[in-house]
PDB file of N, CA and C in Angstrom:
ATOM      1  N   UNK A   1     234.355  42.101   6.684  1.00  0.00           N
ATOM      2  CA  UNK A   1     232.982  42.571   6.619  1.00  0.00           C
ATOM      3  C   UNK A   1     232.974  43.977   6.050  1.00  0.00           C
ATOM      4  N   UNK A   2     231.950  44.285   5.280  1.00  0.00           N
ATOM      5  CA  UNK A   2     231.829  45.610   4.675  1.00  0.00           C
ATOM      6  C   UNK A   2     231.569  46.651   5.745  1.00  0.00           C
ATOM      7  N   UNK A   3     231.948  47.878   5.460  1.00  0.00           N
ATOM      8  CA  UNK A   3     231.686  49.003   6.341  1.00  0.00           C
ATOM      9  C   UNK A   3     230.174  49.118   6.548  1.00  0.00           C
ATOM     10  N   UNK A   4     229.739  49.322   7.803  1.00  0.00           N
ATOM     11  CA  UNK A   4     228.312  49.391   8.129  1.00  0.00           C
ATOM     12  C   UNK A   4     227.589  50.442   7.295  1.00  0.00           C
ATOM     13  N   UNK A   5     228.239  51.574   6.973  1.00  0.00           N
ATOM     14  CA  UNK A   5     227.584  52.633   6.216  1.00  0.00           C
ATOM     15  C   UNK A   5     227.359  52.243   4.760  1.00  0.00           C
ATOM     16  N   UNK A   6     228.141  51.306   4.244  1.00  0.00           N
ATOM     17  CA  UNK A   6     228.044  50.915   2.846  1.00  0.00           C
ATOM     18  C   UNK A   6     227.031  49.806   2.606  1.00  0.00           C
ATOM     19  N   UNK A   7     226.671  49.078   3.634  1.00  0.00           N
ATOM     20  CA  UNK A   7     225.802  47.919   3.442  1.00  0.00           C
ATOM     21  C   UNK A   7     224.361  48.336   3.231  1.00  0.00           C
ATOM     22  N   UNK A   8     223.734  47.742   2.247  1.00  0.00           N
ATOM     23  CA  UNK A   8     222.318  47.959   1.991  1.00  0.00           C
ATOM     24  C   UNK A   8     221.500  47.119   2.961  1.00  0.00           C
ATOM     25  N   UNK A   9     220.363  47.616   3.375  1.00  0.00           N
ATOM     26  CA  UNK A   9     219.514  46.873   4.298  1.00  0.00           C
ATOM     27  C   UNK A   9     218.903  45.647   3.622  1.00  0.00           C
ATOM     28  N   UNK A  10     218.666  45.757   2.313  1.00  0.00           N
ATOM     29  CA  UNK A  10     218.018  44.690   1.554  1.00  0.00           C
ATOM     30  C   UNK A  10     218.804  44.457   0.276  1.00  0.00           C
ATOM     31  N   UNK A  11     219.022  43.198  -0.038  1.00  0.00           N
ATOM     32  CA  UNK A  11     219.674  42.837  -1.303  1.00  0.00           C
ATOM     33  C   UNK A  11     218.931  41.657  -1.899  1.00  0.00           C
ATOM     34  N   UNK A  12     218.785  41.653  -3.226  1.00  0.00           N
ATOM     35  CA  UNK A  12     218.216  40.509  -3.920  1.00  0.00           C
ATOM     36  C   UNK A  12     219.292  39.976  -4.851  1.00  0.00           C
ATOM     37  N   UNK A  13     219.798  38.809  -4.503  1.00  0.00           N
ATOM     38  CA  UNK A  13     220.883  38.200  -5.268  1.00  0.00           C
ATOM     39  C   UNK A  13     220.291  37.321  -6.358  1.00  0.00           C
ATOM     40  N   UNK A  14     220.819  37.442  -7.560  1.00  0.00           N
ATOM     41  CA  UNK A  14     220.367  36.608  -8.669  1.00  0.00           C
ATOM     42  C   UNK A  14     221.575  36.085  -9.429  1.00  0.00           C
ATOM     43  N   UNK A  15     221.379  35.009 -10.125  1.00  0.00           N
ATOM     44  CA  UNK A  15     222.452  34.466 -10.950  1.00  0.00           C
ATOM     45  C   UNK A  15     222.128  33.061 -11.409  1.00  0.00           C
ATOM     46  N   UNK A  16     222.964  32.559 -12.275  1.00  0.00           N
ATOM     47  CA  UNK A  16     222.834  31.192 -12.754  1.00  0.00           C
ATOM     48  C   UNK A  16     222.851  30.257 -11.546  1.00  0.00           C
ATOM     49  N   UNK A  17     221.969  29.280 -11.550  1.00  0.00           N
ATOM     50  CA  UNK A  17     221.857  28.350 -10.423  1.00  0.00           C
ATOM     51  C   UNK A  17     223.036  27.396 -10.439  1.00  0.00           C
ATOM     52  N   UNK A  18     224.121  27.822  -9.783  1.00  0.00           N
ATOM     53  CA  UNK A  18     225.336  27.009  -9.734  1.00  0.00           C
ATOM     54  C   UNK A  18     226.089  27.297  -8.436  1.00  0.00           C
ATOM     55  N   UNK A  19     227.254  26.740  -8.323  1.00  0.00           N
ATOM     56  CA  UNK A  19     228.060  26.902  -7.112  1.00  0.00           C
ATOM     57  C   UNK A  19     228.406  28.369  -6.852  1.00  0.00           C
ATOM     58  N   UNK A  20     228.692  29.125  -7.910  1.00  0.00           N
ATOM     59  CA  UNK A  20     229.048  30.539  -7.744  1.00  0.00           C
ATOM     60  C   UNK A  20     227.912  31.319  -7.078  1.00  0.00           C
ATOM     61  N   UNK A  21     226.671  31.049  -7.505  1.00  0.00           N
ATOM     62  CA  UNK A  21     225.526  31.715  -6.878  1.00  0.00           C
ATOM     63  C   UNK A  21     225.449  31.344  -5.395  1.00  0.00           C
ATOM     64  N   UNK A  22     225.588  30.067  -5.091  1.00  0.00           N
ATOM     65  CA  UNK A  22     225.538  29.616  -3.698  1.00  0.00           C
ATOM     66  C   UNK A  22     226.640  30.259  -2.867  1.00  0.00           C
ATOM     67  N   UNK A  23     227.821  30.431  -3.453  1.00  0.00           N
ATOM     68  CA  UNK A  23     228.925  31.088  -2.751  1.00  0.00           C
ATOM     69  C   UNK A  23     228.608  32.557  -2.480  1.00  0.00           C
ATOM     70  N   UNK A  24     227.909  33.227  -3.406  1.00  0.00           N
ATOM     71  CA  UNK A  24     227.526  34.622  -3.193  1.00  0.00           C
ATOM     72  C   UNK A  24     226.525  34.746  -2.047  1.00  0.00           C
ATOM     73  N   UNK A  25     225.568  33.827  -1.993  1.00  0.00           N
ATOM     74  CA  UNK A  25     224.608  33.837  -0.889  1.00  0.00           C
ATOM     75  C   UNK A  25     225.341  33.544   0.416  1.00  0.00           C
ATOM     76  N   UNK A  26     226.238  32.567   0.408  1.00  0.00           N
ATOM     77  CA  UNK A  26     227.005  32.229   1.615  1.00  0.00           C
ATOM     78  C   UNK A  26     227.842  33.413   2.083  1.00  0.00           C
ATOM     79  N   UNK A  27     228.442  34.151   1.141  1.00  0.00           N
ATOM     80  CA  UNK A  27     229.248  35.323   1.492  1.00  0.00           C
ATOM     81  C   UNK A  27     228.380  36.396   2.143  1.00  0.00           C
ATOM     82  N   UNK A  28     227.163  36.583   1.642  1.00  0.00           N
ATOM     83  CA  UNK A  28     226.255  37.560   2.242  1.00  0.00           C
ATOM     84  C   UNK A  28     225.899  37.147   3.674  1.00  0.00           C
ATOM     85  N   UNK A  29     225.680  35.854   3.890  1.00  0.00           N
ATOM     86  CA  UNK A  29     225.380  35.364   5.237  1.00  0.00           C
ATOM     87  C   UNK A  29     226.568  35.583   6.165  1.00  0.00           C
ATOM     88  N   UNK A  30     227.767  35.345   5.664  1.00  0.00           N
ATOM     89  CA  UNK A  30     228.978  35.580   6.465  1.00  0.00           C
ATOM     90  C   UNK A  30     229.162  37.062   6.772  1.00  0.00           C
ATOM     91  N   UNK A  31     228.623  37.930   5.909  1.00  0.00           N
ATOM     92  CA  UNK A  31     228.738  39.378   6.086  1.00  0.00           C
ATOM     93  C   UNK A  31     227.654  39.925   7.015  1.00  0.00           C
ATOM     94  N   UNK A  32     226.838  39.042   7.580  1.00  0.00           N
ATOM     95  CA  UNK A  32     225.861  39.471   8.568  1.00  0.00           C
ATOM     96  C   UNK A  32     224.428  39.529   8.083  1.00  0.00           C
ATOM     97  N   UNK A  33     224.186  39.236   6.813  1.00  0.00           N
ATOM     98  CA  UNK A  33     222.825  39.218   6.301  1.00  0.00           C
ATOM     99  C   UNK A  33     222.131  37.929   6.708  1.00  0.00           C
ATOM    100  N   UNK A  34     220.799  37.943   6.677  1.00  0.00           N
ATOM    101  CA  UNK A  34     220.006  36.744   6.925  1.00  0.00           C
ATOM    102  C   UNK A  34     219.087  36.546   5.728  1.00  0.00           C
ATOM    103  N   UNK A  35     218.717  35.289   5.473  1.00  0.00           N
ATOM    104  CA  UNK A  35     217.811  34.988   4.373  1.00  0.00           C
ATOM    105  C   UNK A  35     216.456  35.621   4.640  1.00  0.00           C
ATOM    106  N   UNK A  36     215.817  36.100   3.567  1.00  0.00           N
ATOM    107  CA  UNK A  36     214.503  36.710   3.698  1.00  0.00           C
ATOM    108  C   UNK A  36     213.607  36.121   2.615  1.00  0.00           C
ATOM    109  N   UNK A  37     212.592  35.394   3.027  1.00  0.00           N
ATOM    110  CA  UNK A  37     211.689  34.777   2.062  1.00  0.00           C
ATOM    111  C   UNK A  37     212.274  33.523   1.444  1.00  0.00           C
ATOM    112  N   UNK A  38     211.511  32.987   0.525  1.00  0.00           N
ATOM    113  CA  UNK A  38     211.895  31.751  -0.148  1.00  0.00           C
ATOM    114  C   UNK A  38     212.775  32.061  -1.355  1.00  0.00           C
ATOM    115  N   UNK A  39     213.652  31.138  -1.717  1.00  0.00           N
ATOM    116  CA  UNK A  39     214.419  31.325  -2.954  1.00  0.00           C
ATOM    117  C   UNK A  39     213.488  31.185  -4.162  1.00  0.00           C
ATOM    118  N   UNK A  40     213.908  31.740  -5.279  1.00  0.00           N
ATOM    119  CA  UNK A  40     213.128  31.651  -6.514  1.00  0.00           C
ATOM    120  C   UNK A  40     213.987  31.027  -7.595  1.00  0.00           C
ATOM    121  N   UNK A  41     213.359  30.251  -8.462  1.00  0.00           N
ATOM    122  CA  UNK A  41     214.039  29.662  -9.614  1.00  0.00           C
ATOM    123  C   UNK A  41     213.206  29.930 -10.860  1.00  0.00           C
ATOM    124  N   UNK A  42     213.878  30.252 -11.940  1.00  0.00           N
ATOM    125  CA  UNK A  42     213.196  30.466 -13.214  1.00  0.00           C
ATOM    126  C   UNK A  42     214.108  29.984 -14.331  1.00  0.00           C
ATOM    127  N   UNK A  43     213.498  29.543 -15.408  1.00  0.00           N
ATOM    128  CA  UNK A  43     214.258  29.113 -16.585  1.00  0.00           C
ATOM    129  C   UNK A  43     214.202  30.243 -17.603  1.00  0.00           C
ATOM    130  N   UNK A  44     215.354  30.702 -18.060  1.00  0.00           N
ATOM    131  CA  UNK A  44     215.389  31.840 -18.983  1.00  0.00           C
ATOM    132  C   UNK A  44     215.520  31.413 -20.446  1.00  0.00           C
ATOM    133  N   UNK A  45     215.317  30.131 -20.724  1.00  0.00           N
ATOM    134  CA  UNK A  45     215.449  29.625 -22.088  1.00  0.00           C
ATOM    135  C   UNK A  45     216.790  28.976 -22.336  1.00  0.00           C
ATOM    136  N   UNK A  46     217.744  29.260 -21.470  1.00  0.00           N
ATOM    137  CA  UNK A  46     219.083  28.672 -21.589  1.00  0.00           C
ATOM    138  C   UNK A  46     219.487  27.906 -20.335  1.00  0.00           C
ATOM    139  N   UNK A  47     219.210  28.485 -19.170  1.00  0.00           N
ATOM    140  CA  UNK A  47     219.599  27.843 -17.915  1.00  0.00           C
ATOM    141  C   UNK A  47     218.705  28.339 -16.781  1.00  0.00           C
ATOM    142  N   UNK A  48     218.786  27.651 -15.659  1.00  0.00           N
ATOM    143  CA  UNK A  48     218.026  28.050 -14.481  1.00  0.00           C
ATOM    144  C   UNK A  48     218.684  29.275 -13.852  1.00  0.00           C
ATOM    145  N   UNK A  49     217.858  30.229 -13.445  1.00  0.00           N
ATOM    146  CA  UNK A  49     218.322  31.430 -12.758  1.00  0.00           C
ATOM    147  C   UNK A  49     217.732  31.399 -11.351  1.00  0.00           C
ATOM    148  N   UNK A  50     218.591  31.590 -10.359  1.00  0.00           N
ATOM    149  CA  UNK A  50     218.164  31.565  -8.964  1.00  0.00           C
ATOM    150  C   UNK A  50     218.125  32.983  -8.412  1.00  0.00           C
ATOM    151  N   UNK A  51     217.271  33.182  -7.426  1.00  0.00           N
ATOM    152  CA  UNK A  51     217.189  34.462  -6.741  1.00  0.00           C
ATOM    153  C   UNK A  51     216.937  34.237  -5.265  1.00  0.00           C
ATOM    154  N   UNK A  52     217.555  35.073  -4.438  1.00  0.00           N
ATOM    155  CA  UNK A  52     217.359  34.970  -2.989  1.00  0.00           C
ATOM    156  C   UNK A  52     217.513  36.354  -2.376  1.00  0.00           C
ATOM    157  N   UNK A  53     216.510  36.760  -1.604  1.00  0.00           N
ATOM    158  CA  UNK A  53     216.592  38.024  -0.881  1.00  0.00           C
ATOM    159  C   UNK A  53     217.336  37.806   0.425  1.00  0.00           C
ATOM    160  N   UNK A  54     218.144  38.791   0.796  1.00  0.00           N
ATOM    161  CA  UNK A  54     218.822  38.798   2.089  1.00  0.00           C
ATOM    162  C   UNK A  54     218.656  40.191   2.696  1.00  0.00           C
ATOM    163  N   UNK A  55     218.543  40.242   4.006  1.00  0.00           N
ATOM    164  CA  UNK A  55     218.396  41.514   4.714  1.00  0.00           C
ATOM    165  C   UNK A  55     219.308  41.524   5.926  1.00  0.00           C
ATOM    166  N   UNK A  56     219.590  42.713   6.408  1.00  0.00           N
ATOM    167  CA  UNK A  56     220.311  42.826   7.671  1.00  0.00           C
ATOM    168  C   UNK A  56     219.352  42.476   8.803  1.00  0.00           C
ATOM    169  N   UNK A  57     219.816  41.801   9.840  1.00  0.00           N
ATOM    170  CA  UNK A  57     218.919  41.364  10.919  1.00  0.00           C
ATOM    171  C   UNK A  57     218.122  42.508  11.542  1.00  0.00           C
ATOM    172  N   UNK A  58     218.711  43.689  11.643  1.00  0.00           N
ATOM    173  CA  UNK A  58     217.994  44.805  12.272  1.00  0.00           C
ATOM    174  C   UNK A  58     216.779  45.240  11.444  1.00  0.00           C
ATOM    175  N   UNK A  59     216.783  44.960  10.149  1.00  0.00           N
ATOM    176  CA  UNK A  59     215.623  45.272   9.313  1.00  0.00           C
ATOM    177  C   UNK A  59     214.451  44.387   9.719  1.00  0.00           C
ATOM    178  N   UNK A  60     214.720  43.108   9.915  1.00  0.00           N
ATOM    179  CA  UNK A  60     213.670  42.172  10.330  1.00  0.00           C
ATOM    180  C   UNK A  60     213.191  42.521  11.730  1.00  0.00           C
ATOM    181  N   UNK A  61     214.123  42.886  12.622  1.00  0.00           N
ATOM    182  CA  UNK A  61     213.755  43.248  13.992  1.00  0.00           C
ATOM    183  C   UNK A  61     212.862  44.482  14.030  1.00  0.00           C
ATOM    184  N   UNK A  62     213.067  45.411  13.075  1.00  0.00           N
ATOM    185  CA  UNK A  62     212.299  46.653  13.047  1.00  0.00           C
ATOM    186  C   UNK A  62     210.923  46.493  12.414  1.00  0.00           C
ATOM    187  N   UNK A  63     210.691  45.360  11.760  1.00  0.00           N
ATOM    188  CA  UNK A  63     209.393  45.151  11.109  1.00  0.00           C
ATOM    189  C   UNK A  63     208.335  44.877  12.166  1.00  0.00           C
ATOM    190  N   UNK A  64     207.232  45.604  12.092  1.00  0.00           N
ATOM    191  CA  UNK A  64     206.164  45.374  13.057  1.00  0.00           C
ATOM    192  C   UNK A  64     204.968  44.665  12.438  1.00  0.00           C
ATOM    193  N   UNK A  65     205.081  44.324  11.150  1.00  0.00           N
ATOM    194  CA  UNK A  65     204.012  43.603  10.474  1.00  0.00           C
ATOM    195  C   UNK A  65     204.609  42.380   9.807  1.00  0.00           C
ATOM    196  N   UNK A  66     204.002  41.233  10.043  1.00  0.00           N
ATOM    197  CA  UNK A  66     204.445  40.011   9.393  1.00  0.00           C
ATOM    198  C   UNK A  66     203.341  39.546   8.454  1.00  0.00           C
ATOM    199  N   UNK A  67     203.701  39.317   7.217  1.00  0.00           N
ATOM    200  CA  UNK A  67     202.734  38.887   6.216  1.00  0.00           C
ATOM    201  C   UNK A  67     203.007  37.434   5.874  1.00  0.00           C
ATOM    202  N   UNK A  68     202.006  36.591   6.011  1.00  0.00           N
ATOM    203  CA  UNK A  68     202.132  35.175   5.685  1.00  0.00           C
ATOM    204  C   UNK A  68     201.476  34.939   4.331  1.00  0.00           C
ATOM    205  N   UNK A  69     202.293  34.792   3.288  1.00  0.00           N
ATOM    206  CA  UNK A  69     201.772  34.587   1.948  1.00  0.00           C
ATOM    207  C   UNK A  69     201.528  33.117   1.637  1.00  0.00           C
ATOM    208  N   UNK A  70     202.005  32.213   2.489  1.00  0.00           N
ATOM    209  CA  UNK A  70     201.848  30.782   2.232  1.00  0.00           C
ATOM    210  C   UNK A  70     200.380  30.374   2.181  1.00  0.00           C
ATOM    211  N   UNK A  71     199.540  30.977   2.993  1.00  0.00           N
ATOM    212  CA  UNK A  71     198.135  30.611   3.032  1.00  0.00           C
ATOM    213  C   UNK A  71     197.263  31.463   2.124  1.00  0.00           C
ATOM    214  N   UNK A  72     197.863  32.298   1.300  1.00  0.00           N
ATOM    215  CA  UNK A  72     197.124  33.211   0.440  1.00  0.00           C
ATOM    216  C   UNK A  72     196.440  32.457  -0.693  1.00  0.00           C
ATOM    217  N   UNK A  73     195.150  32.694  -0.900  1.00  0.00           N
ATOM    218  CA  UNK A  73     194.380  32.055  -1.969  1.00  0.00           C
ATOM    219  C   UNK A  73     194.381  32.987  -3.177  1.00  0.00           C
ATOM    220  N   UNK A  74     195.320  32.781  -4.090  1.00  0.00           N
ATOM    221  CA  UNK A  74     195.461  33.655  -5.252  1.00  0.00           C
ATOM    222  C   UNK A  74     194.261  33.567  -6.183  1.00  0.00           C
ATOM    223  N   UNK A  75     193.663  32.392  -6.319  1.00  0.00           N
ATOM    224  CA  UNK A  75     192.488  32.249  -7.178  1.00  0.00           C
ATOM    225  C   UNK A  75     191.346  33.130  -6.680  1.00  0.00           C
ATOM    226  N   UNK A  76     191.174  33.182  -5.374  1.00  0.00           N
ATOM    227  CA  UNK A  76     190.108  34.008  -4.801  1.00  0.00           C
ATOM    228  C   UNK A  76     190.397  35.489  -5.027  1.00  0.00           C
ATOM    229  N   UNK A  77     191.666  35.880  -4.930  1.00  0.00           N
ATOM    230  CA  UNK A  77     192.031  37.279  -5.122  1.00  0.00           C
ATOM    231  C   UNK A  77     191.965  37.708  -6.579  1.00  0.00           C
ATOM    232  N   UNK A  78     192.412  36.832  -7.469  1.00  0.00           N
ATOM    233  CA  UNK A  78     192.508  37.186  -8.879  1.00  0.00           C
ATOM    234  C   UNK A  78     191.260  36.829  -9.665  1.00  0.00           C
ATOM    235  N   UNK A  79     190.429  35.983  -9.111  1.00  0.00           N
ATOM    236  CA  UNK A  79     189.229  35.543  -9.825  1.00  0.00           C
ATOM    237  C   UNK A  79     189.549  34.360 -10.690  1.00  0.00           C
ATOM    238  N   UNK A  80     188.565  33.586 -11.013  1.00  0.00           N
ATOM    239  CA  UNK A  80     188.732  32.401 -11.846  1.00  0.00           C
ATOM    240  C   UNK A  80     188.177  32.706 -13.235  1.00  0.00           C
ATOM    241  N   UNK A  81     189.051  32.923 -14.214  1.00  0.00           N
ATOM    242  CA  UNK A  81     188.644  33.253 -15.570  1.00  0.00           C
ATOM    243  C   UNK A  81     188.247  32.039 -16.387  1.00  0.00           C
ATOM    244  N   UNK A  82     188.369  30.829 -15.839  1.00  0.00           N
ATOM    245  CA  UNK A  82     188.076  29.627 -16.592  1.00  0.00           C
ATOM    246  C   UNK A  82     186.576  29.351 -16.695  1.00  0.00           C
ATOM    247  N   UNK A  83     185.760  30.053 -15.921  1.00  0.00           N
ATOM    248  CA  UNK A  83     184.308  29.805 -15.926  1.00  0.00           C
ATOM    249  C   UNK A  83     183.623  30.638 -16.973  1.00  0.00           C
TER     250      UNK A  83
END
């Protein structure tokens, strides 16, 4: 495990969506990080790129505000330009 002073509270891992990326996320979990939020996938014109945020558990414990974006109505916030 990395030295506690060297570890970042928040990391966003990105890479080609393959076994190597999954191993990097697994290594972060073994190092004491926990998943934060949903994974992201994007196509860069050549291959799929994956992203996953990880945080140290004490960061989540220290958060006093929880934001639920799953129920967020983006159309209402951004307006409907199709009309």
